Amino acid sequence: MLKNQFLPTTLIFFISVIAFFIFKNNFHLSYWFLSVLLFLFLIIQSLGAYFIQFNFHLTSINSTNTTEKKVVLTFDDGPHNPNTTKVLEVLKKHDVKALFCVIGKNIEGNESVLQQIINEGHQLANHSYSHAFWFDVWSTKKVTNDLAHCQQLINVYQASPKLFRPPYGVTNPNIAKAVKKLNLQSIGWNIRSYDTSTNDIEKIKQRIVSQLKPGSIILLHDRLEYMPQLLEILIPAIKEKGYCFSNINV
């Protein structure tokens, strides 16, 4: 899973070595050239970490491999009571299955919500136990322990859970190592709703519908109070485009 970053980092390393020998007798040129390469290296690493779709640090499922007009609804940051329950009511009304990327610490006290998710035919994914602000700078060991804790909680409801969505969608080598160690499969998205940036449900609906294509994975958040209202207009709009909803097969 680390192979994706091998080519750009190795290329920059060899260019740096070549530059050193070319400019070794000219300190200013050498310093300038290496500074530019370092800047490019940092930019590449940052973009690779922030955009999960680049598959830079680890390989994620960012869309399903299909030519059929099928899409996947995914919800992050739950379970939340009562908002997740309200989301489940709308999904059941429209006969739609979805993937819920749950935070481990939110399961405690919301066990009945997790059971309802499974009973109604939806899937669960690991969204870390803590979803901590500094999660992305933790050591591999700490990340592994955090994800393993969430896995244990999810396993009570869904046997052998495999899917993992990185907190904030950010990846790095330590997260990639933890994912590999736990034999998880990272899942991203190719339609970001930005539902946490605005509560204009018509605007969010239009943004999603305008980007639909076979295999799309849509990112939403079930903890948001207005999510049931959004789904009431979003689901029919997606169906009107000839699409149906599916789960993730791993």
C-alpha atoms as a PDB file:
ATOM      1  CA  MET A   1       0.000   0.000   0.000  1.00  0.00           C
ATOM      2  CA  LEU A   2       3.019   2.261   0.216  1.00  0.00           C
ATOM      3  CA  LYS A   3       3.989   1.661  -3.393  1.00  0.00           C
ATOM      4  CA  ASN A   4       1.999   4.675  -4.616  1.00  0.00           C
ATOM      5  CA  GLN A   5       4.452   7.185  -3.184  1.00  0.00           C
ATOM      6  CA  PHE A   6       7.569   5.278  -4.228  1.00  0.00           C
ATOM      7  CA  LEU A   7       8.009   6.761  -7.701  1.00  0.00           C
ATOM      8  CA  PRO A   8       7.756  10.512  -6.901  1.00  0.00           C
ATOM      9  CA  THR A   9       9.856  10.301  -3.730  1.00  0.00           C
ATOM     10  CA  THR A  10      12.528   8.127  -5.342  1.00  0.00           C
ATOM     11  CA  LEU A  11      12.655  10.385  -8.385  1.00  0.00           C
ATOM     12  CA  ILE A  12      13.187  13.448  -6.228  1.00  0.00           C
ATOM     13  CA  PHE A  13      15.918  11.641  -4.285  1.00  0.00           C
ATOM     14  CA  PHE A  14      17.882  10.749  -7.420  1.00  0.00           C
ATOM     15  CA  ILE A  15      17.464  14.228  -8.869  1.00  0.00           C
ATOM     16  CA  SER A  16      18.824  15.620  -5.601  1.00  0.00           C
ATOM     17  CA  VAL A  17      21.883  13.365  -5.786  1.00  0.00           C
ATOM     18  CA  ILE A  18      22.527  14.337  -9.408  1.00  0.00           C
ATOM     19  CA  ALA A  19      22.076  18.022  -8.552  1.00  0.00           C
ATOM     20  CA  PHE A  20      24.563  17.703  -5.714  1.00  0.00           C
ATOM     21  CA  PHE A  21      27.319  16.522  -8.062  1.00  0.00           C
ATOM     22  CA  ILE A  22      26.422  19.042 -10.767  1.00  0.00           C
ATOM     23  CA  PHE A  23      26.363  22.037  -8.426  1.00  0.00           C
ATOM     24  CA  LYS A  24      28.756  20.873  -5.709  1.00  0.00           C
ATOM     25  CA  ASN A  25      31.255  23.625  -6.582  1.00  0.00           C
ATOM     26  CA  ASN A  26      28.564  26.315  -6.571  1.00  0.00           C
ATOM     27  CA  PHE A  27      26.971  26.507  -3.130  1.00  0.00           C
ATOM     28  CA  HIS A  28      24.317  29.087  -4.050  1.00  0.00           C
ATOM     29  CA  LEU A  29      23.025  27.169  -7.068  1.00  0.00           C
ATOM     30  CA  SER A  30      23.113  23.904  -5.155  1.00  0.00           C
ATOM     31  CA  TYR A  31      21.262  25.432  -2.193  1.00  0.00           C
ATOM     32  CA  TRP A  32      18.623  26.994  -4.469  1.00  0.00           C
ATOM     33  CA  PHE A  33      18.088  23.813  -6.483  1.00  0.00           C
ATOM     34  CA  LEU A  34      17.784  21.579  -3.433  1.00  0.00           C
ATOM     35  CA  SER A  35      15.411  24.062  -1.783  1.00  0.00           C
ATOM     36  CA  VAL A  36      13.122  23.926  -4.809  1.00  0.00           C
ATOM     37  CA  LEU A  37      13.183  20.126  -4.755  1.00  0.00           C
ATOM     38  CA  LEU A  38      12.422  20.078  -1.034  1.00  0.00           C
ATOM     39  CA  PHE A  39       9.500  22.437  -1.592  1.00  0.00           C
ATOM     40  CA  LEU A  40       8.159  20.205  -4.380  1.00  0.00           C
ATOM     41  CA  PHE A  41       8.602  17.148  -2.193  1.00  0.00           C
ATOM     42  CA  LEU A  42       6.585  18.743   0.614  1.00  0.00           C
ATOM     43  CA  ILE A  43       3.864  19.831  -1.802  1.00  0.00           C
ATOM     44  CA  ILE A  44       3.590  16.323  -3.269  1.00  0.00           C
ATOM     45  CA  GLN A  45       3.466  14.737   0.176  1.00  0.00           C
ATOM     46  CA  SER A  46       0.836  17.218   1.388  1.00  0.00           C
ATOM     47  CA  LEU A  47      -1.391  16.793  -1.641  1.00  0.00           C
ATOM     48  CA  GLY A  48      -1.031  13.025  -1.426  1.00  0.00           C
ATOM     49  CA  ALA A  49      -2.022  13.096   2.241  1.00  0.00           C
ATOM     50  CA  TYR A  50      -4.984  15.456   1.851  1.00  0.00           C
ATOM     51  CA  PHE A  51      -6.592  14.048  -1.286  1.00  0.00           C
ATOM     52  CA  ILE A  52      -7.491  10.439  -0.618  1.00  0.00           C
ATOM     53  CA  GLN A  53      -8.458  10.041  -4.290  1.00  0.00           C
ATOM     54  CA  PHE A  54      -4.772  10.262  -5.292  1.00  0.00           C
ATOM     55  CA  ASN A  55      -4.106   6.862  -3.642  1.00  0.00           C
ATOM     56  CA  PHE A  56      -0.704   8.225  -2.701  1.00  0.00           C
ATOM     57  CA  HIS A  57      -0.013   6.712   0.721  1.00  0.00           C
ATOM     58  CA  LEU A  58      -2.486   3.844   0.526  1.00  0.00           C
ATOM     59  CA  THR A  59      -4.892   2.466  -2.034  1.00  0.00           C
ATOM     60  CA  SER A  60      -8.514   3.414  -1.387  1.00  0.00           C
ATOM     61  CA  ILE A  61     -11.771   2.426  -3.019  1.00  0.00           C
ATOM     62  CA  ASN A  62     -12.866   5.821  -4.324  1.00  0.00           C
ATOM     63  CA  SER A  63     -15.532   4.457  -6.661  1.00  0.00           C
ATOM     64  CA  THR A  64     -16.967   1.027  -7.319  1.00  0.00           C
ATOM     65  CA  ASN A  65     -15.891  -0.867 -10.399  1.00  0.00           C
ATOM     66  CA  THR A  66     -19.093  -0.862 -12.415  1.00  0.00           C
ATOM     67  CA  THR A  67     -20.536   0.515 -15.620  1.00  0.00           C
ATOM     68  CA  GLU A  68     -24.059   0.211 -14.225  1.00  0.00           C
ATOM     69  CA  LYS A  69     -25.811   3.269 -12.869  1.00  0.00           C
ATOM     70  CA  LYS A  70     -25.194   2.386  -9.244  1.00  0.00           C
ATOM     71  CA  VAL A  71     -23.953   4.679  -6.473  1.00  0.00           C
ATOM     72  CA  VAL A  72     -23.060   4.254  -2.813  1.00  0.00           C
ATOM     73  CA  LEU A  73     -24.225   6.521   0.001  1.00  0.00           C
ATOM     74  CA  THR A  74     -21.718   6.742   2.852  1.00  0.00           C
ATOM     75  CA  PHE A  75     -22.149   8.487   6.177  1.00  0.00           C
ATOM     76  CA  ASP A  76     -19.310   9.575   8.475  1.00  0.00           C
ATOM     77  CA  ASP A  77     -19.006  10.408  12.185  1.00  0.00           C
ATOM     78  CA  GLY A  78     -21.950   8.476  13.656  1.00  0.00           C
ATOM     79  CA  PRO A  79     -23.631   6.935  15.353  1.00  0.00           C
ATOM     80  CA  HIS A  80     -25.550   9.922  16.653  1.00  0.00           C
ATOM     81  CA  ASN A  81     -28.785   9.763  18.550  1.00  0.00           C
ATOM     82  CA  PRO A  82     -31.336  10.849  17.387  1.00  0.00           C
ATOM     83  CA  ASN A  83     -29.948  12.016  14.016  1.00  0.00           C
ATOM     84  CA  THR A  84     -28.667   8.641  12.809  1.00  0.00           C
ATOM     85  CA  THR A  85     -31.984   7.054  13.729  1.00  0.00           C
ATOM     86  CA  LYS A  86     -33.809   9.688  11.667  1.00  0.00           C
ATOM     87  CA  VAL A  87     -31.477   9.035   8.736  1.00  0.00           C
ATOM     88  CA  LEU A  88     -32.257   5.317   8.995  1.00  0.00           C
ATOM     89  CA  GLU A  89     -35.978   6.073   8.861  1.00  0.00           C
ATOM     90  CA  VAL A  90     -35.564   7.958   5.578  1.00  0.00           C
ATOM     91  CA  LEU A  91     -33.366   5.238   4.081  1.00  0.00           C
ATOM     92  CA  LYS A  92     -35.914   2.589   5.017  1.00  0.00           C
ATOM     93  CA  LYS A  93     -38.742   4.669   3.541  1.00  0.00           C
ATOM     94  CA  HIS A  94     -36.923   4.852   0.191  1.00  0.00           C
ATOM     95  CA  ASP A  95     -35.530   1.290   0.364  1.00  0.00           C
ATOM     96  CA  VAL A  96     -31.917   2.461   0.207  1.00  0.00           C
ATOM     97  CA  LYS A  97     -28.892   0.725   1.736  1.00  0.00           C
ATOM     98  CA  ALA A  98     -25.829   2.691   2.846  1.00  0.00           C
ATOM     99  CA  LEU A  99     -22.410   2.458   4.469  1.00  0.00           C
ATOM    100  CA  PHE A 100     -21.996   3.990   7.927  1.00  0.00           C
ATOM    101  CA  CYS A 101     -18.404   4.903   8.828  1.00  0.00           C
ATOM    102  CA  VAL A 102     -18.623   4.949  12.597  1.00  0.00           C
ATOM    103  CA  ILE A 103     -16.450   6.473  15.305  1.00  0.00           C
ATOM    104  CA  GLY A 104     -15.762   3.945  18.039  1.00  0.00           C
ATOM    105  CA  LYS A 105     -16.264   6.286  20.982  1.00  0.00           C
ATOM    106  CA  ASN A 106     -19.711   7.187  19.603  1.00  0.00           C
ATOM    107  CA  ILE A 107     -20.825   3.557  19.678  1.00  0.00           C
ATOM    108  CA  GLU A 108     -20.786   3.474  23.471  1.00  0.00           C
ATOM    109  CA  GLY A 109     -24.278   4.476  24.542  1.00  0.00           C
ATOM    110  CA  ASN A 110     -25.615   4.067  20.997  1.00  0.00           C
ATOM    111  CA  GLU A 111     -25.429   0.294  20.742  1.00  0.00           C
ATOM    112  CA  SER A 112     -29.085   0.029  19.733  1.00  0.00           C
ATOM    113  CA  VAL A 113     -28.432   2.355  16.789  1.00  0.00           C
ATOM    114  CA  LEU A 114     -25.596   0.104  15.576  1.00  0.00           C
ATOM    115  CA  GLN A 115     -27.856  -2.902  15.847  1.00  0.00           C
ATOM    116  CA  GLN A 116     -30.548  -1.103  13.864  1.00  0.00           C
ATOM    117  CA  ILE A 117     -28.027  -0.263  11.124  1.00  0.00           C
ATOM    118  CA  ILE A 118     -27.181  -3.947  10.742  1.00  0.00           C
ATOM    119  CA  ASN A 119     -30.763  -5.181  11.126  1.00  0.00           C
ATOM    120  CA  GLU A 120     -31.850  -2.939   8.261  1.00  0.00           C
ATOM    121  CA  GLY A 121     -29.203  -4.256   5.888  1.00  0.00           C
ATOM    122  CA  HIS A 122     -26.612  -1.487   5.979  1.00  0.00           C
ATOM    123  CA  GLN A 123     -22.823  -1.820   6.324  1.00  0.00           C
ATOM    124  CA  LEU A 124     -20.361  -0.553   8.909  1.00  0.00           C
ATOM    125  CA  ALA A 125     -16.860   0.822   8.406  1.00  0.00           C
ATOM    126  CA  ASN A 126     -14.136   1.801  10.857  1.00  0.00           C
ATOM    127  CA  HIS A 127     -13.725   5.584  11.101  1.00  0.00           C
ATOM    128  CA  SER A 128     -11.258   5.268  14.015  1.00  0.00           C
ATOM    129  CA  TYR A 129     -12.106   5.029  17.700  1.00  0.00           C
ATOM    130  CA  SER A 130     -11.185   8.580  18.670  1.00  0.00           C
ATOM    131  CA  HIS A 131     -11.321  10.677  15.470  1.00  0.00           C
ATOM    132  CA  ALA A 132      -8.778  12.822  17.331  1.00  0.00           C
ATOM    133  CA  PHE A 133      -7.650  16.169  15.924  1.00  0.00           C
ATOM    134  CA  TRP A 134      -4.004  15.046  16.009  1.00  0.00           C
ATOM    135  CA  PHE A 135      -4.746  11.564  14.625  1.00  0.00           C
ATOM    136  CA  ASP A 136      -2.726  12.302  11.494  1.00  0.00           C
ATOM    137  CA  VAL A 137       0.522  12.868  13.422  1.00  0.00           C
ATOM    138  CA  TRP A 138       0.252   9.844  15.695  1.00  0.00           C
ATOM    139  CA  SER A 139       2.775   7.010  15.610  1.00  0.00           C
ATOM    140  CA  THR A 140       1.975   3.807  13.738  1.00  0.00           C
ATOM    141  CA  LYS A 141       1.531   1.959  17.031  1.00  0.00           C
ATOM    142  CA  LYS A 142      -0.932   4.493  18.397  1.00  0.00           C
ATOM    143  CA  VAL A 143      -2.932   4.565  15.153  1.00  0.00           C
ATOM    144  CA  THR A 144      -3.006   0.756  15.064  1.00  0.00           C
ATOM    145  CA  ASN A 145      -4.268   0.534  18.652  1.00  0.00           C
ATOM    146  CA  ASP A 146      -6.940   3.127  17.967  1.00  0.00           C
ATOM    147  CA  LEU A 147      -8.218   1.359  14.848  1.00  0.00           C
ATOM    148  CA  ALA A 148      -8.063  -2.042  16.535  1.00  0.00           C
ATOM    149  CA  HIS A 149     -10.211  -0.734  19.401  1.00  0.00           C
ATOM    150  CA  CYS A 150     -12.852   0.431  16.934  1.00  0.00           C
ATOM    151  CA  GLN A 151     -12.644  -2.894  15.080  1.00  0.00           C
ATOM    152  CA  GLN A 152     -13.441  -4.778  18.282  1.00  0.00           C
ATOM    153  CA  LEU A 153     -16.549  -2.693  18.877  1.00  0.00           C
ATOM    154  CA  ILE A 154     -17.795  -3.018  15.279  1.00  0.00           C
ATOM    155  CA  ASN A 155     -17.140  -6.767  15.263  1.00  0.00           C
ATOM    156  CA  VAL A 156     -19.928  -7.227  17.814  1.00  0.00           C
ATOM    157  CA  TYR A 157     -22.427  -6.177  15.142  1.00  0.00           C
ATOM    158  CA  GLN A 158     -20.719  -7.045  11.849  1.00  0.00           C
ATOM    159  CA  ALA A 159     -18.405 -10.024  11.635  1.00  0.00           C
ATOM    160  CA  SER A 160     -14.916  -9.430  10.228  1.00  0.00           C
ATOM    161  CA  PRO A 161     -15.313  -5.754   9.268  1.00  0.00           C
ATOM    162  CA  LYS A 162     -12.822  -4.792   6.557  1.00  0.00           C
ATOM    163  CA  LEU A 163     -13.560  -1.203   5.546  1.00  0.00           C
ATOM    164  CA  PHE A 164     -11.807   1.831   6.985  1.00  0.00           C
ATOM    165  CA  ARG A 165     -12.308   5.495   6.231  1.00  0.00           C
ATOM    166  CA  PRO A 166      -9.484   7.757   7.446  1.00  0.00           C
ATOM    167  CA  PRO A 167     -10.540  10.620   9.728  1.00  0.00           C
ATOM    168  CA  TYR A 168     -10.811  13.813   7.661  1.00  0.00           C
ATOM    169  CA  GLY A 169      -9.870  11.677   4.627  1.00  0.00           C
ATOM    170  CA  VAL A 170      -6.209  12.316   5.395  1.00  0.00           C
ATOM    171  CA  THR A 171      -3.617   9.585   4.863  1.00  0.00           C
ATOM    172  CA  ASN A 172       0.090   9.209   5.633  1.00  0.00           C
ATOM    173  CA  PRO A 173       2.680   6.422   5.920  1.00  0.00           C
ATOM    174  CA  ASN A 174       1.834   5.660   9.576  1.00  0.00           C
ATOM    175  CA  ILE A 175      -1.867   5.282   8.806  1.00  0.00           C
ATOM    176  CA  ALA A 176      -1.016   3.152   5.764  1.00  0.00           C
ATOM    177  CA  LYS A 177       1.123   0.822   7.910  1.00  0.00           C
ATOM    178  CA  ALA A 178      -1.649   0.479  10.500  1.00  0.00           C
ATOM    179  CA  VAL A 179      -4.220  -0.288   7.799  1.00  0.00           C
ATOM    180  CA  LYS A 180      -1.951  -2.957   6.313  1.00  0.00           C
ATOM    181  CA  LYS A 181      -1.220  -4.497   9.712  1.00  0.00           C
ATOM    182  CA  LEU A 182      -4.934  -4.801  10.501  1.00  0.00           C
ATOM    183  CA  ASN A 183      -5.728  -6.062   6.984  1.00  0.00           C
ATOM    184  CA  LEU A 184      -8.219  -3.268   6.350  1.00  0.00           C
ATOM    185  CA  GLN A 185      -9.355  -1.728   3.068  1.00  0.00           C
ATOM    186  CA  SER A 186      -9.440   2.053   2.904  1.00  0.00           C
ATOM    187  CA  ILE A 187     -12.525   3.596   1.369  1.00  0.00           C
ATOM    188  CA  GLY A 188     -12.672   7.137   0.053  1.00  0.00           C
ATOM    189  CA  TRP A 189     -15.151   8.904  -2.206  1.00  0.00           C
ATOM    190  CA  ASN A 190     -15.379  10.683  -5.530  1.00  0.00           C
ATOM    191  CA  ILE A 191     -18.295  12.958  -4.647  1.00  0.00           C
ATOM    192  CA  ARG A 192     -17.768  15.198  -1.646  1.00  0.00           C
ATOM    193  CA  SER A 193     -21.005  16.878  -0.631  1.00  0.00           C
ATOM    194  CA  TYR A 194     -19.438  19.536   1.621  1.00  0.00           C
ATOM    195  CA  ASP A 195     -22.484  19.058   3.835  1.00  0.00           C
ATOM    196  CA  THR A 196     -20.494  20.239   6.862  1.00  0.00           C
ATOM    197  CA  SER A 197     -19.749  23.570   5.152  1.00  0.00           C
ATOM    198  CA  THR A 198     -23.308  24.604   4.306  1.00  0.00           C
ATOM    199  CA  ASN A 199     -26.833  23.658   5.324  1.00  0.00           C
ATOM    200  CA  ASP A 200     -28.331  24.710   1.991  1.00  0.00           C
ATOM    201  CA  ILE A 201     -29.851  21.354   1.096  1.00  0.00           C
ATOM    202  CA  GLU A 202     -30.810  22.384  -2.443  1.00  0.00           C
ATOM    203  CA  LYS A 203     -27.243  23.475  -3.143  1.00  0.00           C
ATOM    204  CA  ILE A 204     -25.852  20.228  -1.725  1.00  0.00           C
ATOM    205  CA  LYS A 205     -28.309  18.172  -3.773  1.00  0.00           C
ATOM    206  CA  GLN A 206     -27.360  19.946  -6.980  1.00  0.00           C
ATOM    207  CA  ARG A 207     -23.643  19.520  -6.272  1.00  0.00           C
ATOM    208  CA  ILE A 208     -24.056  15.770  -5.818  1.00  0.00           C
ATOM    209  CA  VAL A 209     -26.446  15.141  -8.699  1.00  0.00           C
ATOM    210  CA  SER A 210     -24.290  17.122 -11.131  1.00  0.00           C
ATOM    211  CA  GLN A 211     -21.322  14.811 -10.436  1.00  0.00           C
ATOM    212  CA  LEU A 212     -23.101  11.449 -10.619  1.00  0.00           C
ATOM    213  CA  LYS A 213     -21.542   8.677 -12.660  1.00  0.00           C
ATOM    214  CA  PRO A 214     -21.596   4.865 -12.455  1.00  0.00           C
ATOM    215  CA  GLY A 215     -19.837   3.673  -9.300  1.00  0.00           C
ATOM    216  CA  SER A 216     -19.893   7.021  -7.487  1.00  0.00           C
ATOM    217  CA  ILE A 217     -19.253   6.985  -3.746  1.00  0.00           C
ATOM    218  CA  ILE A 218     -20.938   9.920  -2.008  1.00  0.00           C
ATOM    219  CA  LEU A 219     -19.659  11.397   1.256  1.00  0.00           C
ATOM    220  CA  LEU A 220     -22.277  12.576   3.772  1.00  0.00           C
ATOM    221  CA  HIS A 221     -22.526  12.930   7.570  1.00  0.00           C
ATOM    222  CA  ASP A 222     -25.403  11.338   9.492  1.00  0.00           C
ATOM    223  CA  ARG A 223     -24.734  13.436  12.609  1.00  0.00           C
ATOM    224  CA  LEU A 224     -26.091  16.568  10.904  1.00  0.00           C
ATOM    225  CA  GLU A 225     -29.569  17.654  11.986  1.00  0.00           C
ATOM    226  CA  TYR A 226     -30.724  18.484   8.473  1.00  0.00           C
ATOM    227  CA  MET A 227     -29.500  15.226   6.912  1.00  0.00           C
ATOM    228  CA  PRO A 228     -32.975  13.586   6.898  1.00  0.00           C
ATOM    229  CA  GLN A 229     -34.392  16.593   5.020  1.00  0.00           C
ATOM    230  CA  LEU A 230     -31.512  16.476   2.547  1.00  0.00           C
ATOM    231  CA  LEU A 231     -32.016  12.767   1.913  1.00  0.00           C
ATOM    232  CA  GLU A 232     -35.732  13.291   1.288  1.00  0.00           C
ATOM    233  CA  ILE A 233     -34.894  15.372  -1.789  1.00  0.00           C
ATOM    234  CA  LEU A 234     -31.532  13.817  -2.701  1.00  0.00           C
ATOM    235  CA  ILE A 235     -32.602  10.179  -2.989  1.00  0.00           C
ATOM    236  CA  PRO A 236     -35.511  10.876  -5.398  1.00  0.00           C
ATOM    237  CA  ALA A 237     -33.247  13.192  -7.433  1.00  0.00           C
ATOM    238  CA  ILE A 238     -30.640  10.435  -7.803  1.00  0.00           C
ATOM    239  CA  LYS A 239     -33.300   7.887  -8.759  1.00  0.00           C
ATOM    240  CA  GLU A 240     -34.730  10.289 -11.336  1.00  0.00           C
ATOM    241  CA  LYS A 241     -31.329  10.177 -13.067  1.00  0.00           C
ATOM    242  CA  GLY A 242     -31.758   6.434 -13.437  1.00  0.00           C
ATOM    243  CA  TYR A 243     -29.431   5.437 -10.612  1.00  0.00           C
ATOM    244  CA  CYS A 244     -29.928   2.872  -7.869  1.00  0.00           C
ATOM    245  CA  PHE A 245     -28.027   2.348  -4.617  1.00  0.00           C
ATOM    246  CA  SER A 246     -25.625  -0.446  -3.715  1.00  0.00           C
ATOM    247  CA  ASN A 247     -23.292  -1.596  -0.961  1.00  0.00           C
ATOM    248  CA  ILE A 248     -19.512  -2.028  -1.052  1.00  0.00           C
ATOM    249  CA  ASN A 249     -18.255  -5.519  -1.876  1.00  0.00           C
ATOM    250  CA  VAL A 250     -14.878  -6.432  -0.370  1.00  0.00           C
END
